[in-house]
Amino acid sequence: MITFKDVTVEKSGNVILKDISVELGDHRLGIIGRNGSGKSTLARLINGLEKPSSGSVFVGGAQDIKALRRKVGFVFQNPDNQIVYPIVNEDLEFGLKNLKLPAIERRRRIADILTRFEITHLADRFTHELSGGEKQLIALAGVLVMEPEIIVFDEPTTLLDLWNTRRFMAAVNTLSQQVIMVTHNLDLIRDFDRTLLIDNGEISADGKPADIIARYCEDQP
């Protein structure tokens, strides 16, 4: 369970989020809203990429930043912001080495995730030579090898074409972890369990995706 308790985020005198109190326990949760509404800030609070100016964020009862990051994986809009090493295998192994896992366990996890996504042929490729869709799958694989309980996605398909979006979402839809997705692509979350609409730093609507999407579309100029 993710719990926000009276969370406010201010930057340079501007209020980004205001008095957010909500519990997020749904398996598939979408977050939508206009640019600048605060939705990405809300998502980044979940794994400690942002800190509240006031209030608290708890994930499974944990509040410590290190504990949050062990529990919550984060997939960015641009995979180039996430991929560190020049070879796919090296990049996937990076976080596992930080966990001080034995080499045999590191190799097992990497082989399992590459097989699962049917991308074993990418293992020895240079990351800069990958297509955008391949990079985003590798970014997701890099999160999954860490075995988080929750995965947060911040506009993960913005840079992808339709074919790669469908391929990426097919992978997302196989995940057993709780998924929280910030997106402008409303089609991605229509079959999710719940959707939040963020407006001017507040949760303006919360419910079934069909209802929240309809309300959001009605409010657009």
C-alpha atoms as a PDB file:
ATOM      1  CA  MET A   1       0.000   0.000   0.000  1.00  0.00           C
ATOM      2  CA  ILE A   2       1.241   3.473  -0.918  1.00  0.00           C
ATOM      3  CA  THR A   3       0.062   6.196   1.424  1.00  0.00           C
ATOM      4  CA  PHE A   4       0.291   9.949   0.950  1.00  0.00           C
ATOM      5  CA  LYS A   5      -0.457  11.897   4.110  1.00  0.00           C
ATOM      6  CA  ASP A   6      -0.916  15.679   3.826  1.00  0.00           C
ATOM      7  CA  VAL A   7       1.787  15.900   1.141  1.00  0.00           C
ATOM      8  CA  THR A   8       2.721  19.308  -0.245  1.00  0.00           C
ATOM      9  CA  VAL A   9       5.564  20.024  -2.661  1.00  0.00           C
ATOM     10  CA  GLU A  10       6.799  23.576  -3.203  1.00  0.00           C
ATOM     11  CA  LYS A  11       9.583  24.728  -5.528  1.00  0.00           C
ATOM     12  CA  SER A  12      10.875  28.284  -5.824  1.00  0.00           C
ATOM     13  CA  GLY A  13       7.763  29.563  -4.096  1.00  0.00           C
ATOM     14  CA  ASN A  14       5.398  27.647  -6.401  1.00  0.00           C
ATOM     15  CA  VAL A  15       3.069  24.975  -5.037  1.00  0.00           C
ATOM     16  CA  ILE A  16       3.388  21.860  -7.228  1.00  0.00           C
ATOM     17  CA  LEU A  17       1.240  19.554  -5.079  1.00  0.00           C
ATOM     18  CA  LYS A  18      -1.076  20.660  -2.295  1.00  0.00           C
ATOM     19  CA  ASP A  19      -2.244  18.634   0.716  1.00  0.00           C
ATOM     20  CA  ILE A  20      -2.395  15.261  -1.030  1.00  0.00           C
ATOM     21  CA  SER A  21      -3.823  12.489   1.135  1.00  0.00           C
ATOM     22  CA  VAL A  22      -4.587   9.244  -0.657  1.00  0.00           C
ATOM     23  CA  GLU A  23      -4.006   5.503  -0.474  1.00  0.00           C
ATOM     24  CA  LEU A  24      -2.944   3.636  -3.605  1.00  0.00           C
ATOM     25  CA  GLY A  25      -3.281  -0.105  -3.425  1.00  0.00           C
ATOM     26  CA  ASP A  26      -4.723  -0.969  -6.831  1.00  0.00           C
ATOM     27  CA  HIS A  27      -2.851  -3.338  -9.109  1.00  0.00           C
ATOM     28  CA  ARG A  28      -3.046  -1.034 -12.160  1.00  0.00           C
ATOM     29  CA  LEU A  29      -3.319   2.698 -11.501  1.00  0.00           C
ATOM     30  CA  GLY A  30      -3.275   5.478 -14.093  1.00  0.00           C
ATOM     31  CA  ILE A  31      -2.426   9.115 -13.435  1.00  0.00           C
ATOM     32  CA  ILE A  32      -3.556  11.738 -15.950  1.00  0.00           C
ATOM     33  CA  GLY A  33      -3.713  15.513 -16.145  1.00  0.00           C
ATOM     34  CA  ARG A  34      -2.534  18.506 -18.115  1.00  0.00           C
ATOM     35  CA  ASN A  35       1.131  19.441 -18.468  1.00  0.00           C
ATOM     36  CA  GLY A  36       2.306  21.080 -15.265  1.00  0.00           C
ATOM     37  CA  SER A  37      -0.544  19.698 -13.186  1.00  0.00           C
ATOM     38  CA  GLY A  38       1.837  17.895 -10.793  1.00  0.00           C
ATOM     39  CA  LYS A  39       1.276  14.309 -11.902  1.00  0.00           C
ATOM     40  CA  SER A  40       4.946  13.498 -12.561  1.00  0.00           C
ATOM     41  CA  THR A  41       5.940  15.019  -9.225  1.00  0.00           C
ATOM     42  CA  LEU A  42       3.386  12.799  -7.504  1.00  0.00           C
ATOM     43  CA  ALA A  43       4.833   9.742  -9.260  1.00  0.00           C
ATOM     44  CA  ARG A  44       8.414  10.657  -8.369  1.00  0.00           C
ATOM     45  CA  LEU A  45       7.507  10.970  -4.696  1.00  0.00           C
ATOM     46  CA  ILE A  46       6.683   7.275  -4.600  1.00  0.00           C
ATOM     47  CA  ASN A  47      10.293   6.134  -4.919  1.00  0.00           C
ATOM     48  CA  GLY A  48      12.027   9.128  -3.405  1.00  0.00           C
ATOM     49  CA  LEU A  49      13.081  10.931  -6.594  1.00  0.00           C
ATOM     50  CA  GLU A  50      11.194  13.884  -5.110  1.00  0.00           C
ATOM     51  CA  LYS A  51      10.795  14.763  -1.444  1.00  0.00           C
ATOM     52  CA  PRO A  52       7.739  16.376   0.126  1.00  0.00           C
ATOM     53  CA  SER A  53       8.075  19.917   1.422  1.00  0.00           C
ATOM     54  CA  SER A  54       5.656  18.775   4.105  1.00  0.00           C
ATOM     55  CA  GLY A  55       3.707  15.627   4.835  1.00  0.00           C
ATOM     56  CA  SER A  56       4.781  12.006   4.392  1.00  0.00           C
ATOM     57  CA  VAL A  57       4.851   9.229   1.795  1.00  0.00           C
ATOM     58  CA  PHE A  58       4.855   5.613   2.937  1.00  0.00           C
ATOM     59  CA  VAL A  59       5.308   2.504   0.773  1.00  0.00           C
ATOM     60  CA  GLY A  60       4.411  -0.675   2.595  1.00  0.00           C
ATOM     61  CA  GLY A  61       4.956   1.225   5.820  1.00  0.00           C
ATOM     62  CA  ALA A  62       8.461   2.341   4.802  1.00  0.00           C
ATOM     63  CA  GLN A  63       9.434   5.999   4.570  1.00  0.00           C
ATOM     64  CA  ASP A  64      13.238   5.867   4.357  1.00  0.00           C
ATOM     65  CA  ILE A  65      14.518   6.809   0.874  1.00  0.00           C
ATOM     66  CA  LYS A  66      16.696   3.696   0.544  1.00  0.00           C
ATOM     67  CA  ALA A  67      13.784   1.482   1.518  1.00  0.00           C
ATOM     68  CA  LEU A  68      11.508   3.218  -0.995  1.00  0.00           C
ATOM     69  CA  ARG A  69      13.966   2.687  -3.818  1.00  0.00           C
ATOM     70  CA  ARG A  70      14.323  -0.996  -2.985  1.00  0.00           C
ATOM     71  CA  LYS A  71      10.564  -1.419  -3.152  1.00  0.00           C
ATOM     72  CA  VAL A  72       9.783   0.857  -6.113  1.00  0.00           C
ATOM     73  CA  GLY A  73      11.239   0.759  -9.619  1.00  0.00           C
ATOM     74  CA  PHE A  74      10.930   3.764 -11.929  1.00  0.00           C
ATOM     75  CA  VAL A  75      10.815   3.812 -15.736  1.00  0.00           C
ATOM     76  CA  PHE A  76      11.466   7.211 -17.292  1.00  0.00           C
ATOM     77  CA  GLN A  77      10.044   8.758 -20.441  1.00  0.00           C
ATOM     78  CA  ASN A  78      13.445   8.730 -22.134  1.00  0.00           C
ATOM     79  CA  PRO A  79      15.392   5.465 -21.680  1.00  0.00           C
ATOM     80  CA  ASP A  80      18.655   7.308 -22.382  1.00  0.00           C
ATOM     81  CA  ASN A  81      18.204   8.877 -18.936  1.00  0.00           C
ATOM     82  CA  GLN A  82      18.176   5.401 -17.427  1.00  0.00           C
ATOM     83  CA  ILE A  83      20.620   3.292 -19.425  1.00  0.00           C
ATOM     84  CA  VAL A  84      24.126   3.729 -18.007  1.00  0.00           C
ATOM     85  CA  TYR A  85      26.475   1.212 -19.629  1.00  0.00           C
ATOM     86  CA  PRO A  86      27.365   0.751 -23.314  1.00  0.00           C
ATOM     87  CA  ILE A  87      26.569  -2.999 -23.483  1.00  0.00           C
ATOM     88  CA  VAL A  88      23.097  -4.341 -22.644  1.00  0.00           C
ATOM     89  CA  ASN A  89      24.358  -7.124 -20.345  1.00  0.00           C
ATOM     90  CA  GLU A  90      26.591  -4.670 -18.471  1.00  0.00           C
ATOM     91  CA  ASP A  91      23.738  -2.249 -18.006  1.00  0.00           C
ATOM     92  CA  LEU A  92      21.388  -4.913 -16.652  1.00  0.00           C
ATOM     93  CA  GLU A  93      24.073  -6.117 -14.255  1.00  0.00           C
ATOM     94  CA  PHE A  94      24.841  -2.676 -12.834  1.00  0.00           C
ATOM     95  CA  GLY A  95      22.121  -2.544 -10.173  1.00  0.00           C
ATOM     96  CA  LEU A  96      22.582  -6.208  -9.275  1.00  0.00           C
ATOM     97  CA  LYS A  97      26.257  -5.613  -8.505  1.00  0.00           C
ATOM     98  CA  ASN A  98      25.224  -2.829  -6.142  1.00  0.00           C
ATOM     99  CA  LEU A  99      23.087  -5.412  -4.340  1.00  0.00           C
ATOM    100  CA  LYS A 100      26.251  -7.532  -4.035  1.00  0.00           C
ATOM    101  CA  LEU A 101      24.507 -10.565  -5.520  1.00  0.00           C
ATOM    102  CA  PRO A 102      26.666 -13.550  -6.566  1.00  0.00           C
ATOM    103  CA  ALA A 103      27.575 -13.684 -10.252  1.00  0.00           C
ATOM    104  CA  ILE A 104      25.482 -16.810 -10.822  1.00  0.00           C
ATOM    105  CA  GLU A 105      22.372 -15.070  -9.468  1.00  0.00           C
ATOM    106  CA  ARG A 106      23.070 -11.957 -11.551  1.00  0.00           C
ATOM    107  CA  ARG A 107      23.357 -14.039 -14.709  1.00  0.00           C
ATOM    108  CA  ARG A 108      20.178 -15.973 -13.870  1.00  0.00           C
ATOM    109  CA  ARG A 109      18.083 -12.845 -13.383  1.00  0.00           C
ATOM    110  CA  ILE A 110      19.369 -11.241 -16.576  1.00  0.00           C
ATOM    111  CA  ALA A 111      18.828 -14.382 -18.659  1.00  0.00           C
ATOM    112  CA  ASP A 112      15.314 -14.811 -17.245  1.00  0.00           C
ATOM    113  CA  ILE A 113      14.182 -11.277 -18.076  1.00  0.00           C
ATOM    114  CA  LEU A 114      15.717 -11.253 -21.566  1.00  0.00           C
ATOM    115  CA  THR A 115      14.022 -14.576 -22.319  1.00  0.00           C
ATOM    116  CA  ARG A 116      10.717 -13.340 -20.921  1.00  0.00           C
ATOM    117  CA  PHE A 117      10.687 -10.347 -23.269  1.00  0.00           C
ATOM    118  CA  GLU A 118      12.123 -12.372 -26.186  1.00  0.00           C
ATOM    119  CA  ILE A 119      15.133 -10.067 -26.507  1.00  0.00           C
ATOM    120  CA  THR A 120      18.011 -12.418 -25.710  1.00  0.00           C
ATOM    121  CA  HIS A 121      19.569 -11.390 -29.036  1.00  0.00           C
ATOM    122  CA  LEU A 122      20.171  -7.926 -27.565  1.00  0.00           C
ATOM    123  CA  ALA A 123      22.361  -9.123 -24.688  1.00  0.00           C
ATOM    124  CA  ASP A 124      25.705  -8.222 -26.271  1.00  0.00           C
ATOM    125  CA  ARG A 125      24.518  -5.242 -28.324  1.00  0.00           C
ATOM    126  CA  PHE A 126      25.733  -1.685 -27.844  1.00  0.00           C
ATOM    127  CA  THR A 127      22.944   0.222 -26.140  1.00  0.00           C
ATOM    128  CA  HIS A 128      23.416   3.267 -28.378  1.00  0.00           C
ATOM    129  CA  GLU A 129      22.667   1.086 -31.425  1.00  0.00           C
ATOM    130  CA  LEU A 130      19.252  -0.025 -30.146  1.00  0.00           C
ATOM    131  CA  SER A 131      15.984   1.333 -31.482  1.00  0.00           C
ATOM    132  CA  GLY A 132      13.797   3.445 -29.206  1.00  0.00           C
ATOM    133  CA  GLY A 133      11.491   0.508 -28.541  1.00  0.00           C
ATOM    134  CA  GLU A 134      14.396  -1.789 -27.717  1.00  0.00           C
ATOM    135  CA  LYS A 135      15.889   0.793 -25.377  1.00  0.00           C
ATOM    136  CA  GLN A 136      12.630   1.158 -23.483  1.00  0.00           C
ATOM    137  CA  LEU A 137      12.373  -2.612 -23.063  1.00  0.00           C
ATOM    138  CA  ILE A 138      15.951  -2.701 -21.750  1.00  0.00           C
ATOM    139  CA  ALA A 139      15.105   0.140 -19.333  1.00  0.00           C
ATOM    140  CA  LEU A 140      12.141  -1.907 -18.079  1.00  0.00           C
ATOM    141  CA  ALA A 141      14.299  -5.044 -17.872  1.00  0.00           C
ATOM    142  CA  GLY A 142      16.846  -3.107 -15.812  1.00  0.00           C
ATOM    143  CA  VAL A 143      14.126  -2.286 -13.310  1.00  0.00           C
ATOM    144  CA  LEU A 144      12.678  -5.788 -13.225  1.00  0.00           C
ATOM    145  CA  VAL A 145      15.962  -7.573 -12.506  1.00  0.00           C
ATOM    146  CA  MET A 146      15.979  -5.667  -9.204  1.00  0.00           C
ATOM    147  CA  GLU A 147      12.682  -7.410  -8.325  1.00  0.00           C
ATOM    148  CA  PRO A 148      10.748  -4.373  -7.011  1.00  0.00           C
ATOM    149  CA  GLU A 149       7.260  -4.651  -5.551  1.00  0.00           C
ATOM    150  CA  ILE A 150       5.959  -1.611  -7.450  1.00  0.00           C
ATOM    151  CA  ILE A 151       6.864  -0.085 -10.816  1.00  0.00           C
ATOM    152  CA  VAL A 152       6.155   3.549 -11.649  1.00  0.00           C
ATOM    153  CA  PHE A 153       6.097   4.637 -15.291  1.00  0.00           C
ATOM    154  CA  ASP A 154       6.396   8.310 -16.250  1.00  0.00           C
ATOM    155  CA  GLU A 155       5.166   8.768 -19.842  1.00  0.00           C
ATOM    156  CA  PRO A 156       6.995   5.603 -20.983  1.00  0.00           C
ATOM    157  CA  THR A 157       5.614   5.537 -24.541  1.00  0.00           C
ATOM    158  CA  THR A 158       5.948   9.217 -25.489  1.00  0.00           C
ATOM    159  CA  LEU A 159       8.983   8.569 -27.720  1.00  0.00           C
ATOM    160  CA  LEU A 160       7.630   5.345 -29.236  1.00  0.00           C
ATOM    161  CA  ASP A 161       5.684   4.726 -32.423  1.00  0.00           C
ATOM    162  CA  LEU A 162       2.436   2.743 -32.403  1.00  0.00           C
ATOM    163  CA  TRP A 163       4.065  -0.653 -32.989  1.00  0.00           C
ATOM    164  CA  ASN A 164       6.632  -0.192 -30.227  1.00  0.00           C
ATOM    165  CA  THR A 165       3.998   1.230 -27.884  1.00  0.00           C
ATOM    166  CA  ARG A 166       1.945  -1.922 -28.312  1.00  0.00           C
ATOM    167  CA  ARG A 167       5.018  -4.093 -27.838  1.00  0.00           C
ATOM    168  CA  PHE A 168       6.012  -2.232 -24.690  1.00  0.00           C
ATOM    169  CA  MET A 169       2.500  -2.345 -23.215  1.00  0.00           C
ATOM    170  CA  ALA A 170       2.288  -6.069 -23.939  1.00  0.00           C
ATOM    171  CA  ALA A 171       5.318  -6.445 -21.676  1.00  0.00           C
ATOM    172  CA  VAL A 172       3.811  -4.166 -19.021  1.00  0.00           C
ATOM    173  CA  ASN A 173       0.581  -6.145 -19.039  1.00  0.00           C
ATOM    174  CA  THR A 174       2.442  -9.307 -18.007  1.00  0.00           C
ATOM    175  CA  LEU A 175       3.791  -7.752 -14.806  1.00  0.00           C
ATOM    176  CA  SER A 176       2.718  -9.140 -11.453  1.00  0.00           C
ATOM    177  CA  GLN A 177       3.928  -6.015  -9.643  1.00  0.00           C
ATOM    178  CA  GLN A 178       1.717  -3.057  -8.868  1.00  0.00           C
ATOM    179  CA  VAL A 179       1.894  -0.673 -11.848  1.00  0.00           C
ATOM    180  CA  ILE A 180       1.443   3.093 -11.619  1.00  0.00           C
ATOM    181  CA  MET A 181       1.504   4.901 -14.950  1.00  0.00           C
ATOM    182  CA  VAL A 182       1.581   8.614 -15.699  1.00  0.00           C
ATOM    183  CA  THR A 183       0.482   9.114 -19.282  1.00  0.00           C
ATOM    184  CA  HIS A 184      -1.130  11.424 -21.816  1.00  0.00           C
ATOM    185  CA  ASN A 185      -2.049   8.387 -23.927  1.00  0.00           C
ATOM    186  CA  LEU A 186      -5.454   7.630 -22.471  1.00  0.00           C
ATOM    187  CA  ASP A 187      -5.800   4.380 -24.416  1.00  0.00           C
ATOM    188  CA  LEU A 188      -3.024   2.823 -22.326  1.00  0.00           C
ATOM    189  CA  ILE A 189      -5.004   2.989 -19.093  1.00  0.00           C
ATOM    190  CA  ARG A 190      -8.594   2.334 -20.194  1.00  0.00           C
ATOM    191  CA  ASP A 191      -8.537  -1.185 -18.743  1.00  0.00           C
ATOM    192  CA  PHE A 192      -6.665  -0.230 -15.557  1.00  0.00           C
ATOM    193  CA  ASP A 193      -8.277  -0.642 -12.143  1.00  0.00           C
ATOM    194  CA  ARG A 194      -8.266   3.005 -11.127  1.00  0.00           C
ATOM    195  CA  THR A 195      -7.291   6.448 -12.419  1.00  0.00           C
ATOM    196  CA  LEU A 196      -6.409   9.714 -10.697  1.00  0.00           C
ATOM    197  CA  LEU A 197      -6.921  13.061 -12.407  1.00  0.00           C
ATOM    198  CA  ILE A 198      -4.472  15.694 -11.194  1.00  0.00           C
ATOM    199  CA  ASP A 199      -5.329  19.348 -11.683  1.00  0.00           C
ATOM    200  CA  ASN A 200      -3.454  22.342 -10.277  1.00  0.00           C
ATOM    201  CA  GLY A 201      -1.575  20.152  -7.806  1.00  0.00           C
ATOM    202  CA  GLU A 202      -4.642  18.427  -6.408  1.00  0.00           C
ATOM    203  CA  ILE A 203      -6.524  15.183  -7.045  1.00  0.00           C
ATOM    204  CA  SER A 204      -9.625  16.508  -8.780  1.00  0.00           C
ATOM    205  CA  ALA A 205     -11.123  13.103  -9.599  1.00  0.00           C
ATOM    206  CA  ASP A 206     -10.486   9.508  -8.555  1.00  0.00           C
ATOM    207  CA  GLY A 207     -12.260   6.414  -9.808  1.00  0.00           C
ATOM    208  CA  LYS A 208     -12.774   4.025 -12.689  1.00  0.00           C
ATOM    209  CA  PRO A 209     -10.771   4.909 -15.799  1.00  0.00           C
ATOM    210  CA  ALA A 210     -13.805   5.308 -18.071  1.00  0.00           C
ATOM    211  CA  ASP A 211     -15.386   7.836 -15.714  1.00  0.00           C
ATOM    212  CA  ILE A 212     -12.199   9.810 -15.058  1.00  0.00           C
ATOM    213  CA  ILE A 213     -11.153   9.874 -18.705  1.00  0.00           C
ATOM    214  CA  ALA A 214     -14.608  11.125 -19.712  1.00  0.00           C
ATOM    215  CA  ARG A 215     -14.416  13.899 -17.137  1.00  0.00           C
ATOM    216  CA  TYR A 216     -10.910  14.855 -18.244  1.00  0.00           C
ATOM    217  CA  CYS A 217     -11.938  15.023 -21.893  1.00  0.00           C
ATOM    218  CA  GLU A 218     -14.974  17.161 -21.058  1.00  0.00           C
ATOM    219  CA  ASP A 219     -12.718  19.699 -19.334  1.00  0.00           C
ATOM    220  CA  GLN A 220     -10.401  20.118 -22.332  1.00  0.00           C
ATOM    221  CA  PRO A 221     -10.823  23.268 -24.456  1.00  0.00           C
END
